[in-house]
Amino acid sequence: LPATAFRRDDVIGAGLWVILLMPLAQAAGAVFMVYGFQFLWGYGATVAGALAASLAVAWSATAILVAMIPSEAGRLRSVAAGPMLLAAGMALACLGVAVDSIAAVVAGQVIMGAGFGLNWGPLCQLLMDRAVDADRDRTSAMLPTLQTAGYALGAAVFGLVANLAGFGDTADLDGARSGMIAAYAGATLVAVAAALFGFRTVAKARP
C-alpha cells in the first residue's frame, strides 16, 4: 500500500477513499437495475440492458468533455463535483423506484454516469501526480484494485440489505420494490460519504 493510504489528512489517502466508495455505492445499481427494469416495469432483456447502459454512455461522454479541461483548478472542481452527482443520481433513482417513475430512474442513471465521468479521470491523474516517487507505482496499482473491491463489496453489502428488506428469488412486486429502495437509500449514504472525501481530497490538493 502507499504510505499514506486511507489517511484523511493526506490527498492520496482521502482520494483512495473516493476510489473505493464511489464504485461501492454504484454497485447497488449495477446489481439490481436491469432486474428492476424487467421485473418492476416489464421490459425485455434487450431494452432493460439498453436503459441500464445509459450510465455507461453518460460516463463516457462526460469523460471526453472533462479530458479537454486545461487547468488543474478545473480538474479539481470536477473531482469534487463527481461524487456529489453520484449521490444526487442515486437519490433520484431511489425516488423513481419508490414512486414507480421509469423516467426518474433513467435520469438518475445518467446523472450517476456523469458523476463518474467528471471525477474518475481527473482523480486518478491527481493521485498519480501527487504520489511521491517511491509510492507512484503502488498508487497506480491501487486504483483498479480498489475500484474492483468497491464493486465487490457493494454487491455483497447491498445484496444483503435488499434481501433483508424483502427482496428475494420469490419476491413479489412490493418486496422487490422495497428491497431496491433500501439498497438505493443505503448507496446514497455511501455516495454522500464519497462526496465528503472528494471535498477533502480537493482541499488537500490545493496549494
N, C-alpha and C. Protein backbone atom coordinates (compact mmCIF):
# COMPACT_ATOMS: atom_id res chain seq x y z
N LEU A 1 0.84 -1.20 0.00
CA LEU A 1 0.00 0.00 0.00
C LEU A 1 0.87 1.24 0.00
N PRO A 2 0.39 2.35 -0.60
CA PRO A 2 1.10 3.61 -0.45
C PRO A 2 1.20 3.99 1.02
N ALA A 3 2.22 4.74 1.37
CA ALA A 3 2.50 5.04 2.77
C ALA A 3 1.35 5.77 3.44
N THR A 4 0.62 6.60 2.69
CA THR A 4 -0.46 7.40 3.29
C THR A 4 -1.85 6.88 2.90
N ALA A 5 -1.96 5.62 2.52
CA ALA A 5 -3.24 5.07 2.07
C ALA A 5 -4.31 5.23 3.15
N PHE A 6 -5.44 5.80 2.74
CA PHE A 6 -6.65 5.93 3.56
C PHE A 6 -6.50 6.90 4.74
N ARG A 7 -5.45 7.71 4.74
CA ARG A 7 -5.32 8.75 5.77
C ARG A 7 -6.14 9.97 5.35
N ARG A 8 -7.00 10.43 6.24
CA ARG A 8 -7.90 11.54 5.92
C ARG A 8 -7.15 12.86 5.72
N ASP A 9 -5.99 12.98 6.31
CA ASP A 9 -5.26 14.25 6.26
C ASP A 9 -4.27 14.32 5.11
N ASP A 10 -4.41 13.44 4.13
CA ASP A 10 -3.47 13.40 3.01
C ASP A 10 -4.26 13.26 1.71
N VAL A 11 -3.78 13.90 0.66
CA VAL A 11 -4.51 13.88 -0.61
C VAL A 11 -4.61 12.46 -1.17
N ILE A 12 -3.56 11.67 -1.04
CA ILE A 12 -3.61 10.29 -1.53
C ILE A 12 -4.58 9.46 -0.69
N GLY A 13 -4.49 9.59 0.61
CA GLY A 13 -5.36 8.82 1.49
C GLY A 13 -6.83 9.14 1.28
N ALA A 14 -7.17 10.43 1.23
CA ALA A 14 -8.57 10.82 1.02
C ALA A 14 -9.04 10.42 -0.37
N GLY A 15 -8.18 10.57 -1.36
CA GLY A 15 -8.56 10.21 -2.72
C GLY A 15 -8.83 8.72 -2.88
N LEU A 16 -8.07 7.89 -2.19
CA LEU A 16 -8.30 6.45 -2.27
C LEU A 16 -9.65 6.06 -1.67
N TRP A 17 -10.11 6.81 -0.67
CA TRP A 17 -11.46 6.57 -0.15
C TRP A 17 -12.51 6.84 -1.23
N VAL A 18 -12.31 7.88 -2.01
CA VAL A 18 -13.25 8.18 -3.10
C VAL A 18 -13.24 7.05 -4.12
N ILE A 19 -12.04 6.57 -4.46
CA ILE A 19 -11.90 5.49 -5.43
C ILE A 19 -12.63 4.23 -4.96
N LEU A 20 -12.64 3.98 -3.65
CA LEU A 20 -13.32 2.81 -3.10
C LEU A 20 -14.83 3.02 -2.98
N LEU A 21 -15.24 4.19 -2.47
CA LEU A 21 -16.63 4.39 -2.10
C LEU A 21 -17.55 4.65 -3.29
N MET A 22 -17.06 5.29 -4.34
CA MET A 22 -17.93 5.53 -5.49
C MET A 22 -18.39 4.23 -6.15
N PRO A 23 -17.50 3.30 -6.48
CA PRO A 23 -17.99 2.04 -7.03
C PRO A 23 -18.83 1.25 -6.03
N LEU A 24 -18.48 1.35 -4.75
CA LEU A 24 -19.26 0.64 -3.73
C LEU A 24 -20.72 1.10 -3.77
N ALA A 25 -20.91 2.42 -3.89
CA ALA A 25 -22.27 2.95 -3.96
C ALA A 25 -22.96 2.54 -5.26
N GLN A 26 -22.25 2.66 -6.37
CA GLN A 26 -22.86 2.38 -7.67
C GLN A 26 -23.18 0.90 -7.86
N ALA A 27 -22.57 0.04 -7.05
CA ALA A 27 -22.83 -1.39 -7.16
C ALA A 27 -24.30 -1.72 -6.93
N ALA A 28 -24.99 -0.91 -6.13
CA ALA A 28 -26.42 -1.15 -5.91
C ALA A 28 -27.17 -1.10 -7.23
N GLY A 29 -26.85 -0.13 -8.06
CA GLY A 29 -27.49 -0.05 -9.37
C GLY A 29 -27.01 -1.15 -10.31
N ALA A 30 -25.71 -1.44 -10.25
CA ALA A 30 -25.17 -2.47 -11.13
C ALA A 30 -25.82 -3.83 -10.88
N VAL A 31 -26.13 -4.12 -9.62
CA VAL A 31 -26.70 -5.41 -9.27
C VAL A 31 -28.19 -5.47 -9.59
N PHE A 32 -28.95 -4.42 -9.27
CA PHE A 32 -30.40 -4.50 -9.28
C PHE A 32 -31.09 -3.81 -10.46
N MET A 33 -30.41 -2.92 -11.17
CA MET A 33 -31.13 -2.07 -12.10
C MET A 33 -31.74 -2.84 -13.27
N VAL A 34 -30.95 -3.69 -13.92
CA VAL A 34 -31.50 -4.43 -15.07
C VAL A 34 -32.67 -5.30 -14.62
N TYR A 35 -32.51 -5.97 -13.48
CA TYR A 35 -33.61 -6.77 -12.95
C TYR A 35 -34.82 -5.91 -12.66
N GLY A 36 -34.59 -4.71 -12.12
CA GLY A 36 -35.70 -3.81 -11.83
C GLY A 36 -36.44 -3.39 -13.08
N PHE A 37 -35.71 -3.07 -14.14
CA PHE A 37 -36.36 -2.70 -15.39
C PHE A 37 -37.23 -3.86 -15.91
N GLN A 38 -36.77 -5.07 -15.72
CA GLN A 38 -37.53 -6.22 -16.21
C GLN A 38 -38.70 -6.57 -15.29
N PHE A 39 -38.43 -6.64 -13.98
CA PHE A 39 -39.43 -7.16 -13.05
C PHE A 39 -40.45 -6.09 -12.66
N LEU A 40 -39.99 -4.87 -12.40
CA LEU A 40 -40.91 -3.82 -11.96
C LEU A 40 -41.66 -3.17 -13.11
N TRP A 41 -40.99 -3.05 -14.26
CA TRP A 41 -41.62 -2.32 -15.37
C TRP A 41 -41.90 -3.18 -16.60
N GLY A 42 -41.53 -4.45 -16.55
CA GLY A 42 -41.93 -5.38 -17.60
C GLY A 42 -41.16 -5.30 -18.90
N TYR A 43 -39.99 -4.66 -18.91
CA TYR A 43 -39.22 -4.58 -20.16
C TYR A 43 -38.51 -5.90 -20.42
N GLY A 44 -38.25 -6.18 -21.69
CA GLY A 44 -37.46 -7.34 -22.06
C GLY A 44 -35.99 -7.11 -21.75
N ALA A 45 -35.20 -8.18 -21.91
CA ALA A 45 -33.79 -8.11 -21.54
C ALA A 45 -33.02 -7.07 -22.37
N THR A 46 -33.33 -6.96 -23.66
CA THR A 46 -32.60 -6.03 -24.52
C THR A 46 -32.86 -4.58 -24.13
N VAL A 47 -34.14 -4.25 -23.95
CA VAL A 47 -34.48 -2.87 -23.57
C VAL A 47 -33.96 -2.55 -22.18
N ALA A 48 -34.09 -3.51 -21.26
CA ALA A 48 -33.60 -3.28 -19.90
C ALA A 48 -32.10 -3.05 -19.90
N GLY A 49 -31.37 -3.83 -20.67
CA GLY A 49 -29.92 -3.63 -20.76
C GLY A 49 -29.56 -2.30 -21.37
N ALA A 50 -30.31 -1.89 -22.40
CA ALA A 50 -30.04 -0.60 -23.04
C ALA A 50 -30.30 0.56 -22.07
N LEU A 51 -31.38 0.48 -21.30
CA LEU A 51 -31.67 1.53 -20.33
C LEU A 51 -30.59 1.58 -19.24
N ALA A 52 -30.16 0.42 -18.79
CA ALA A 52 -29.10 0.40 -17.77
C ALA A 52 -27.79 0.94 -18.32
N ALA A 53 -27.56 0.77 -19.62
CA ALA A 53 -26.32 1.26 -20.23
C ALA A 53 -26.26 2.78 -20.32
N SER A 54 -27.37 3.45 -20.00
CA SER A 54 -27.35 4.92 -20.03
C SER A 54 -26.29 5.47 -19.08
N LEU A 55 -26.02 4.77 -17.99
CA LEU A 55 -24.97 5.22 -17.06
C LEU A 55 -23.61 5.20 -17.76
N ALA A 56 -23.30 4.11 -18.44
CA ALA A 56 -22.00 3.99 -19.10
C ALA A 56 -21.85 5.01 -20.22
N VAL A 57 -22.93 5.24 -20.96
CA VAL A 57 -22.88 6.23 -22.05
C VAL A 57 -22.63 7.62 -21.49
N ALA A 58 -23.33 7.97 -20.41
CA ALA A 58 -23.12 9.28 -19.78
C ALA A 58 -21.71 9.40 -19.23
N TRP A 59 -21.20 8.32 -18.64
CA TRP A 59 -19.82 8.31 -18.11
C TRP A 59 -18.84 8.61 -19.24
N SER A 60 -18.95 7.89 -20.35
CA SER A 60 -18.00 8.06 -21.46
C SER A 60 -18.09 9.46 -22.06
N ALA A 61 -19.32 9.94 -22.29
CA ALA A 61 -19.48 11.26 -22.91
C ALA A 61 -18.92 12.36 -22.00
N THR A 62 -19.19 12.26 -20.71
CA THR A 62 -18.68 13.27 -19.78
C THR A 62 -17.17 13.20 -19.67
N ALA A 63 -16.62 12.00 -19.65
CA ALA A 63 -15.17 11.85 -19.55
C ALA A 63 -14.46 12.49 -20.73
N ILE A 64 -15.05 12.39 -21.92
CA ILE A 64 -14.45 13.03 -23.10
C ILE A 64 -14.41 14.54 -22.93
N LEU A 65 -15.49 15.10 -22.41
CA LEU A 65 -15.54 16.55 -22.20
C LEU A 65 -14.55 16.98 -21.12
N VAL A 66 -14.47 16.21 -20.05
CA VAL A 66 -13.58 16.56 -18.94
C VAL A 66 -12.12 16.50 -19.38
N ALA A 67 -11.80 15.59 -20.29
CA ALA A 67 -10.42 15.48 -20.77
C ALA A 67 -9.93 16.75 -21.44
N MET A 68 -10.87 17.62 -21.84
CA MET A 68 -10.49 18.87 -22.50
C MET A 68 -10.24 20.01 -21.51
N ILE A 69 -10.46 19.78 -20.23
CA ILE A 69 -10.24 20.85 -19.24
C ILE A 69 -8.74 21.09 -19.12
N PRO A 70 -8.28 22.32 -19.40
CA PRO A 70 -6.83 22.54 -19.44
C PRO A 70 -6.19 22.82 -18.07
N SER A 71 -6.96 23.34 -17.13
CA SER A 71 -6.36 23.81 -15.87
C SER A 71 -6.54 22.81 -14.75
N GLU A 72 -5.58 22.82 -13.82
CA GLU A 72 -5.70 21.96 -12.66
C GLU A 72 -6.88 22.38 -11.78
N ALA A 73 -7.14 23.68 -11.70
CA ALA A 73 -8.28 24.15 -10.89
C ALA A 73 -9.58 23.58 -11.42
N GLY A 74 -9.73 23.55 -12.73
CA GLY A 74 -10.94 22.97 -13.32
C GLY A 74 -11.05 21.49 -13.06
N ARG A 75 -9.93 20.78 -13.13
CA ARG A 75 -9.96 19.34 -12.86
C ARG A 75 -10.28 19.07 -11.39
N LEU A 76 -9.79 19.92 -10.49
CA LEU A 76 -10.11 19.74 -9.08
C LEU A 76 -11.60 19.96 -8.82
N ARG A 77 -12.18 20.92 -9.52
CA ARG A 77 -13.64 21.11 -9.38
C ARG A 77 -14.39 19.87 -9.86
N SER A 78 -13.88 19.24 -10.91
CA SER A 78 -14.51 18.01 -11.39
C SER A 78 -14.40 16.89 -10.36
N VAL A 79 -13.26 16.81 -9.70
CA VAL A 79 -13.07 15.79 -8.67
C VAL A 79 -14.09 15.96 -7.55
N ALA A 80 -14.34 17.20 -7.16
CA ALA A 80 -15.31 17.46 -6.09
C ALA A 80 -16.75 17.26 -6.55
N ALA A 81 -17.04 17.61 -7.80
CA ALA A 81 -18.41 17.55 -8.28
C ALA A 81 -18.88 16.12 -8.56
N GLY A 82 -17.98 15.25 -8.98
CA GLY A 82 -18.36 13.90 -9.37
C GLY A 82 -19.12 13.12 -8.31
N PRO A 83 -18.59 12.97 -7.10
CA PRO A 83 -19.32 12.22 -6.08
C PRO A 83 -20.64 12.89 -5.68
N MET A 84 -20.71 14.22 -5.77
CA MET A 84 -21.98 14.88 -5.49
C MET A 84 -23.04 14.48 -6.51
N LEU A 85 -22.65 14.43 -7.78
CA LEU A 85 -23.60 14.00 -8.80
C LEU A 85 -23.99 12.53 -8.61
N LEU A 86 -23.03 11.71 -8.20
CA LEU A 86 -23.35 10.32 -7.94
C LEU A 86 -24.42 10.21 -6.84
N ALA A 87 -24.24 10.96 -5.76
CA ALA A 87 -25.22 10.93 -4.67
C ALA A 87 -26.58 11.44 -5.13
N ALA A 88 -26.59 12.52 -5.93
CA ALA A 88 -27.85 13.07 -6.42
C ALA A 88 -28.54 12.08 -7.36
N GLY A 89 -27.77 11.46 -8.25
CA GLY A 89 -28.35 10.50 -9.17
C GLY A 89 -28.88 9.26 -8.46
N MET A 90 -28.15 8.80 -7.45
CA MET A 90 -28.61 7.64 -6.70
C MET A 90 -29.90 7.96 -5.95
N ALA A 91 -29.97 9.15 -5.36
CA ALA A 91 -31.18 9.55 -4.65
C ALA A 91 -32.36 9.66 -5.61
N LEU A 92 -32.12 10.20 -6.81
CA LEU A 92 -33.19 10.32 -7.80
C LEU A 92 -33.67 8.95 -8.27
N ALA A 93 -32.73 8.03 -8.48
CA ALA A 93 -33.12 6.67 -8.87
C ALA A 93 -33.91 5.99 -7.77
N CYS A 94 -33.51 6.21 -6.53
CA CYS A 94 -34.25 5.66 -5.38
C CYS A 94 -35.68 6.20 -5.36
N LEU A 95 -35.82 7.49 -5.58
CA LEU A 95 -37.14 8.10 -5.63
C LEU A 95 -37.96 7.53 -6.79
N GLY A 96 -37.31 7.34 -7.94
CA GLY A 96 -38.00 6.79 -9.09
C GLY A 96 -38.54 5.40 -8.84
N VAL A 97 -37.76 4.56 -8.16
CA VAL A 97 -38.25 3.22 -7.81
C VAL A 97 -39.42 3.34 -6.85
N ALA A 98 -39.32 4.26 -5.89
CA ALA A 98 -40.37 4.39 -4.87
C ALA A 98 -41.69 4.85 -5.45
N VAL A 99 -41.64 5.77 -6.43
CA VAL A 99 -42.88 6.33 -6.98
C VAL A 99 -43.24 5.72 -8.33
N ASP A 100 -42.50 4.69 -8.73
CA ASP A 100 -42.79 3.97 -9.98
C ASP A 100 -42.62 4.87 -11.20
N SER A 101 -41.52 5.62 -11.23
CA SER A 101 -41.24 6.53 -12.35
C SER A 101 -39.99 6.06 -13.09
N ILE A 102 -40.17 5.46 -14.25
CA ILE A 102 -39.04 4.99 -15.04
C ILE A 102 -38.18 6.16 -15.52
N ALA A 103 -38.81 7.31 -15.78
CA ALA A 103 -38.07 8.48 -16.25
C ALA A 103 -37.10 8.96 -15.18
N ALA A 104 -37.54 8.97 -13.93
CA ALA A 104 -36.66 9.40 -12.83
C ALA A 104 -35.50 8.44 -12.65
N VAL A 105 -35.76 7.15 -12.80
CA VAL A 105 -34.69 6.16 -12.65
C VAL A 105 -33.64 6.33 -13.74
N VAL A 106 -34.09 6.49 -14.99
CA VAL A 106 -33.13 6.65 -16.09
C VAL A 106 -32.37 7.97 -15.94
N ALA A 107 -33.06 9.04 -15.54
CA ALA A 107 -32.38 10.31 -15.30
C ALA A 107 -31.33 10.15 -14.20
N GLY A 108 -31.68 9.39 -13.15
CA GLY A 108 -30.71 9.13 -12.09
C GLY A 108 -29.50 8.39 -12.61
N GLN A 109 -29.74 7.41 -13.49
CA GLN A 109 -28.63 6.67 -14.10
C GLN A 109 -27.69 7.61 -14.87
N VAL A 110 -28.27 8.51 -15.64
CA VAL A 110 -27.47 9.44 -16.44
C VAL A 110 -26.66 10.36 -15.53
N ILE A 111 -27.28 10.85 -14.47
CA ILE A 111 -26.56 11.74 -13.54
C ILE A 111 -25.43 10.99 -12.85
N MET A 112 -25.68 9.75 -12.45
CA MET A 112 -24.61 8.94 -11.85
C MET A 112 -23.45 8.77 -12.81
N GLY A 113 -23.76 8.45 -14.07
CA GLY A 113 -22.71 8.28 -15.05
C GLY A 113 -21.91 9.55 -15.26
N ALA A 114 -22.60 10.69 -15.30
CA ALA A 114 -21.90 11.97 -15.44
C ALA A 114 -20.99 12.22 -14.25
N GLY A 115 -21.43 11.81 -13.06
CA GLY A 115 -20.59 11.97 -11.88
C GLY A 115 -19.29 11.20 -12.00
N PHE A 116 -19.39 9.95 -12.45
CA PHE A 116 -18.17 9.17 -12.65
C PHE A 116 -17.30 9.78 -13.74
N GLY A 117 -17.92 10.22 -14.83
CA GLY A 117 -17.15 10.82 -15.91
C GLY A 117 -16.41 12.08 -15.49
N LEU A 118 -17.06 12.88 -14.66
CA LEU A 118 -16.41 14.08 -14.15
C LEU A 118 -15.23 13.77 -13.25
N ASN A 119 -15.40 12.77 -12.41
CA ASN A 119 -14.46 12.53 -11.32
C ASN A 119 -13.31 11.61 -11.68
N TRP A 120 -13.59 10.53 -12.40
CA TRP A 120 -12.67 9.40 -12.41
C TRP A 120 -11.31 9.73 -13.03
N GLY A 121 -11.31 10.26 -14.24
CA GLY A 121 -10.04 10.56 -14.89
C GLY A 121 -9.22 11.60 -14.13
N PRO A 122 -9.81 12.78 -13.80
CA PRO A 122 -9.04 13.78 -13.06
C PRO A 122 -8.55 13.28 -11.71
N LEU A 123 -9.35 12.47 -11.02
CA LEU A 123 -8.92 11.97 -9.71
C LEU A 123 -7.75 11.00 -9.84
N CYS A 124 -7.84 10.07 -10.76
CA CYS A 124 -6.73 9.13 -10.96
C CYS A 124 -5.45 9.87 -11.35
N GLN A 125 -5.58 10.86 -12.24
CA GLN A 125 -4.42 11.64 -12.63
C GLN A 125 -3.84 12.40 -11.44
N LEU A 126 -4.71 12.99 -10.62
CA LEU A 126 -4.27 13.73 -9.45
C LEU A 126 -3.49 12.84 -8.50
N LEU A 127 -4.01 11.66 -8.21
CA LEU A 127 -3.36 10.78 -7.25
C LEU A 127 -2.00 10.31 -7.75
N MET A 128 -1.91 10.00 -9.03
CA MET A 128 -0.61 9.56 -9.56
C MET A 128 0.38 10.71 -9.62
N ASP A 129 -0.11 11.93 -9.91
CA ASP A 129 0.78 13.09 -9.96
C ASP A 129 1.31 13.46 -8.57
N ARG A 130 0.46 13.33 -7.55
CA ARG A 130 0.84 13.76 -6.20
C ARG A 130 1.56 12.69 -5.41
N ALA A 131 1.58 11.46 -5.88
CA ALA A 131 2.31 10.41 -5.16
C ALA A 131 3.81 10.66 -5.25
N VAL A 132 4.50 10.42 -4.16
CA VAL A 132 5.96 10.54 -4.18
C VAL A 132 6.52 9.41 -5.05
N ASP A 133 7.76 9.59 -5.50
CA ASP A 133 8.34 8.63 -6.43
C ASP A 133 8.29 7.20 -5.90
N ALA A 134 8.57 7.03 -4.61
CA ALA A 134 8.62 5.68 -4.04
C ALA A 134 7.24 5.02 -4.01
N ASP A 135 6.17 5.82 -4.04
CA ASP A 135 4.81 5.29 -3.93
C ASP A 135 4.03 5.33 -5.23
N ARG A 136 4.62 5.89 -6.30
CA ARG A 136 3.83 6.11 -7.51
C ARG A 136 3.33 4.79 -8.12
N ASP A 137 4.20 3.79 -8.18
CA ASP A 137 3.77 2.51 -8.75
C ASP A 137 2.70 1.86 -7.88
N ARG A 138 2.88 1.93 -6.56
CA ARG A 138 1.89 1.33 -5.67
C ARG A 138 0.55 2.07 -5.77
N THR A 139 0.61 3.38 -5.90
CA THR A 139 -0.63 4.16 -6.02
C THR A 139 -1.36 3.82 -7.30
N SER A 140 -0.66 3.78 -8.41
CA SER A 140 -1.31 3.48 -9.69
C SER A 140 -1.88 2.06 -9.68
N ALA A 141 -1.21 1.13 -9.03
CA ALA A 141 -1.72 -0.24 -8.96
C ALA A 141 -2.94 -0.34 -8.06
N MET A 142 -3.04 0.55 -7.08
CA MET A 142 -4.18 0.51 -6.16
C MET A 142 -5.48 0.93 -6.82
N LEU A 143 -5.41 1.77 -7.85
CA LEU A 143 -6.64 2.36 -8.40
C LEU A 143 -7.59 1.32 -8.98
N PRO A 144 -7.17 0.48 -9.93
CA PRO A 144 -8.11 -0.54 -10.43
C PRO A 144 -8.45 -1.59 -9.38
N THR A 145 -7.51 -1.88 -8.48
CA THR A 145 -7.78 -2.85 -7.42
C THR A 145 -8.88 -2.36 -6.49
N LEU A 146 -8.78 -1.10 -6.09
CA LEU A 146 -9.81 -0.54 -5.21
C LEU A 146 -11.15 -0.42 -5.91
N GLN A 147 -11.12 -0.06 -7.18
CA GLN A 147 -12.38 0.04 -7.93
C GLN A 147 -13.10 -1.32 -7.94
N THR A 148 -12.35 -2.37 -8.24
CA THR A 148 -12.94 -3.70 -8.26
C THR A 148 -13.42 -4.12 -6.87
N ALA A 149 -12.62 -3.81 -5.85
CA ALA A 149 -13.01 -4.13 -4.48
C ALA A 149 -14.29 -3.40 -4.09
N GLY A 150 -14.42 -2.14 -4.54
CA GLY A 150 -15.62 -1.38 -4.23
C GLY A 150 -16.86 -2.02 -4.82
N TYR A 151 -16.77 -2.43 -6.09
CA TYR A 151 -17.92 -3.09 -6.72
C TYR A 151 -18.26 -4.40 -6.00
N ALA A 152 -17.22 -5.17 -5.66
CA ALA A 152 -17.47 -6.46 -4.99
C ALA A 152 -18.10 -6.26 -3.62
N LEU A 153 -17.56 -5.34 -2.83
CA LEU A 153 -18.11 -5.08 -1.51
C LEU A 153 -19.54 -4.54 -1.61
N GLY A 154 -19.75 -3.63 -2.56
CA GLY A 154 -21.09 -3.06 -2.72
C GLY A 154 -22.11 -4.10 -3.10
N ALA A 155 -21.73 -5.01 -4.01
CA ALA A 155 -22.67 -6.06 -4.41
C ALA A 155 -23.04 -6.92 -3.21
N ALA A 156 -22.06 -7.25 -2.39
CA ALA A 156 -22.34 -8.08 -1.21
C ALA A 156 -23.20 -7.33 -0.19
N VAL A 157 -22.80 -6.09 0.12
CA VAL A 157 -23.49 -5.33 1.15
C VAL A 157 -24.93 -5.03 0.75
N PHE A 158 -25.12 -4.50 -0.48
CA PHE A 158 -26.46 -4.10 -0.88
C PHE A 158 -27.33 -5.29 -1.26
N GLY A 159 -26.71 -6.39 -1.67
CA GLY A 159 -27.49 -7.61 -1.84
C GLY A 159 -28.08 -8.07 -0.52
N LEU A 160 -27.27 -8.00 0.54
CA LEU A 160 -27.76 -8.36 1.87
C LEU A 160 -28.84 -7.39 2.33
N VAL A 161 -28.61 -6.09 2.14
CA VAL A 161 -29.60 -5.09 2.54
C VAL A 161 -30.92 -5.32 1.83
N ALA A 162 -30.87 -5.56 0.52
CA ALA A 162 -32.10 -5.75 -0.25
C ALA A 162 -32.84 -7.01 0.19
N ASN A 163 -32.11 -8.07 0.43
CA ASN A 163 -32.77 -9.30 0.85
C ASN A 163 -33.41 -9.15 2.23
N LEU A 164 -32.74 -8.46 3.14
CA LEU A 164 -33.32 -8.23 4.46
C LEU A 164 -34.57 -7.36 4.37
N ALA A 165 -34.63 -6.51 3.33
CA ALA A 165 -35.77 -5.61 3.17
C ALA A 165 -36.91 -6.23 2.37
N GLY A 166 -36.78 -7.49 1.97
CA GLY A 166 -37.89 -8.15 1.30
C GLY A 166 -37.62 -8.64 -0.09
N PHE A 167 -36.43 -8.34 -0.63
CA PHE A 167 -36.10 -8.77 -1.98
C PHE A 167 -35.65 -10.23 -1.94
N GLY A 168 -35.99 -11.02 -2.94
CA GLY A 168 -35.56 -12.40 -2.99
C GLY A 168 -35.99 -13.06 -4.28
N ASP A 169 -35.63 -14.32 -4.43
CA ASP A 169 -35.96 -15.04 -5.67
C ASP A 169 -37.47 -15.12 -5.89
N THR A 170 -38.23 -15.17 -4.81
CA THR A 170 -39.68 -15.30 -4.95
C THR A 170 -40.38 -14.00 -4.56
N ALA A 171 -39.67 -12.91 -4.60
CA ALA A 171 -40.25 -11.63 -4.17
C ALA A 171 -41.38 -11.21 -5.10
N ASP A 172 -42.42 -10.66 -4.51
CA ASP A 172 -43.47 -10.05 -5.32
C ASP A 172 -43.05 -8.63 -5.65
N LEU A 173 -43.90 -7.90 -6.34
CA LEU A 173 -43.55 -6.55 -6.76
C LEU A 173 -43.23 -5.66 -5.56
N ASP A 174 -44.04 -5.74 -4.51
CA ASP A 174 -43.80 -4.89 -3.34
C ASP A 174 -42.49 -5.25 -2.66
N GLY A 175 -42.20 -6.56 -2.56
CA GLY A 175 -40.94 -6.97 -1.95
C GLY A 175 -39.74 -6.53 -2.75
N ALA A 176 -39.82 -6.68 -4.07
CA ALA A 176 -38.73 -6.25 -4.93
C ALA A 176 -38.52 -4.75 -4.84
N ARG A 177 -39.63 -4.01 -4.83
CA ARG A 177 -39.52 -2.56 -4.77
C ARG A 177 -38.92 -2.11 -3.43
N SER A 178 -39.39 -2.67 -2.34
CA SER A 178 -38.88 -2.27 -1.03
C SER A 178 -37.41 -2.64 -0.89
N GLY A 179 -37.02 -3.80 -1.43
CA GLY A 179 -35.62 -4.18 -1.37
C GLY A 179 -34.73 -3.24 -2.16
N MET A 180 -35.18 -2.87 -3.36
CA MET A 180 -34.39 -1.94 -4.17
C MET A 180 -34.32 -0.57 -3.53
N ILE A 181 -35.41 -0.12 -2.94
CA ILE A 181 -35.40 1.18 -2.26
C ILE A 181 -34.40 1.17 -1.12
N ALA A 182 -34.39 0.10 -0.33
CA ALA A 182 -33.45 0.00 0.78
C ALA A 182 -32.01 0.02 0.28
N ALA A 183 -31.74 -0.74 -0.78
CA ALA A 183 -30.38 -0.77 -1.33
C ALA A 183 -29.97 0.59 -1.87
N TYR A 184 -30.87 1.26 -2.59
CA TYR A 184 -30.54 2.56 -3.16
C TYR A 184 -30.39 3.64 -2.09
N ALA A 185 -31.20 3.55 -1.05
CA ALA A 185 -31.06 4.53 0.04
C ALA A 185 -29.71 4.36 0.73
N GLY A 186 -29.32 3.11 0.99
CA GLY A 186 -28.00 2.88 1.59
C GLY A 186 -26.88 3.33 0.69
N ALA A 187 -27.02 3.08 -0.62
CA ALA A 187 -26.00 3.50 -1.57
C ALA A 187 -25.89 5.02 -1.64
N THR A 188 -27.01 5.71 -1.48
CA THR A 188 -26.98 7.17 -1.47
C THR A 188 -26.14 7.68 -0.31
N LEU A 189 -26.27 7.06 0.85
CA LEU A 189 -25.47 7.45 2.02
C LEU A 189 -23.98 7.21 1.76
N VAL A 190 -23.65 6.10 1.12
CA VAL A 190 -22.25 5.82 0.79
C VAL A 190 -21.73 6.86 -0.20
N ALA A 191 -22.57 7.25 -1.17
CA ALA A 191 -22.16 8.27 -2.14
C ALA A 191 -21.93 9.61 -1.46
N VAL A 192 -22.74 9.94 -0.45
CA VAL A 192 -22.53 11.18 0.30
C VAL A 192 -21.18 11.13 1.01
N ALA A 193 -20.84 9.97 1.59
CA ALA A 193 -19.52 9.82 2.22
C ALA A 193 -18.40 10.02 1.19
N ALA A 194 -18.60 9.47 -0.02
CA ALA A 194 -17.61 9.68 -1.08
C ALA A 194 -17.47 11.16 -1.42
N ALA A 195 -18.60 11.88 -1.42
CA ALA A 195 -18.55 13.32 -1.71
C ALA A 195 -17.76 14.07 -0.65
N LEU A 196 -17.94 13.69 0.61
CA LEU A 196 -17.18 14.33 1.68
C LEU A 196 -15.68 14.09 1.52
N PHE A 197 -15.32 12.87 1.17
CA PHE A 197 -13.90 12.59 0.91
C PHE A 197 -13.42 13.29 -0.36
N GLY A 198 -14.32 13.50 -1.32
CA GLY A 198 -13.95 14.25 -2.50
C GLY A 198 -13.57 15.69 -2.16
N PHE A 199 -14.38 16.33 -1.32
CA PHE A 199 -14.04 17.67 -0.86
C PHE A 199 -12.72 17.67 -0.10
N ARG A 200 -12.51 16.64 0.71
CA ARG A 200 -11.27 16.54 1.49
C ARG A 200 -10.07 16.40 0.56
N THR A 201 -10.23 15.60 -0.48
CA THR A 201 -9.15 15.40 -1.44
C THR A 201 -8.76 16.71 -2.12
N VAL A 202 -9.78 17.44 -2.56
CA VAL A 202 -9.52 18.72 -3.24
C VAL A 202 -8.89 19.72 -2.28
N ALA A 203 -9.37 19.75 -1.04
CA ALA A 203 -8.80 20.69 -0.06
C ALA A 203 -7.33 20.41 0.17
N LYS A 204 -6.96 19.12 0.23
CA LYS A 204 -5.57 18.77 0.47
C LYS A 204 -4.71 18.92 -0.79
N ALA A 205 -5.35 18.93 -1.95
CA ALA A 205 -4.59 19.04 -3.20
C ALA A 205 -4.26 20.48 -3.54
N ARG A 206 -5.07 21.42 -3.04
CA ARG A 206 -4.84 22.83 -3.36
C ARG A 206 -3.59 23.33 -2.63
N PRO A 207 -2.83 24.23 -3.27
CA PRO A 207 -1.64 24.76 -2.61
C PRO A 207 -1.98 25.47 -1.31
